[in-house]
């Protein structure tokens, strides 16, 4: 119960947060809640597997966020960001892939662990409240990830109209480019290494499609939240 409420509250908090680091930190807290929840169900190997895959893409997500914040002179407000894909294409591409992995998009490393966690949870004998909280938390994860991508990668750049923003090909970017391959392929590799025998999942079609439906619903709600006209009294620096 505590782990499910941790997931839900941190996911809900991240959806209304404008600080880039806080959103990623709340996302980490949400995933820790998921790990503790699956640990409470007795699946120790599965919790460890999710910990490993999550460590990969979350470390890379923090590196991308650090690179963006450094380039914007320590500005962490995502409302000042926009069109970063034009100025920092490699960093933003890696950032987006990590976000997709966090959402549990098929065939990313996060998909292999997260989908398995949800299916094992669906096979357990739990009450409806826990099912509901888990699935809503998955939707919230996709929601804040999509909102973060929308704010930082699209729209107009709101920081300084006269700028020399660019990404430097240094140690940071080289490390990120090396780690991105692990984010893409290590989900399947770790699933072969961690589990001696594959999990047997027997679920109705509706339960199998539930995670995918929540991902799609989360994308729609995240897009709707990002398009809302509430700016939080932001004064653009373009004026």
Foldseek 3Di string as FASTA:
>chain_A
DVLLVLLQVLLVVLLPDFFQVSNLVSLVSNLVSLLVVLVVVVPPLLSVLLVVLLCLLSVLLVLLLVQVCVLLVNDGGLQQAAQVCVAEVLSLVLNLLSLCLSLLPPQWLNVLRVLVSLLVVVPDDDDPVSNVSVLLSSLSSLLSSLLSSHSHNHDDRQRAPDDDGHGDPDPSSVVSVVSSVCRRPVNVVVQPVRDVDDDDGDDDPCSSCSSVVSNVNSNVNSVVSNPDPDPVPDDGNHD
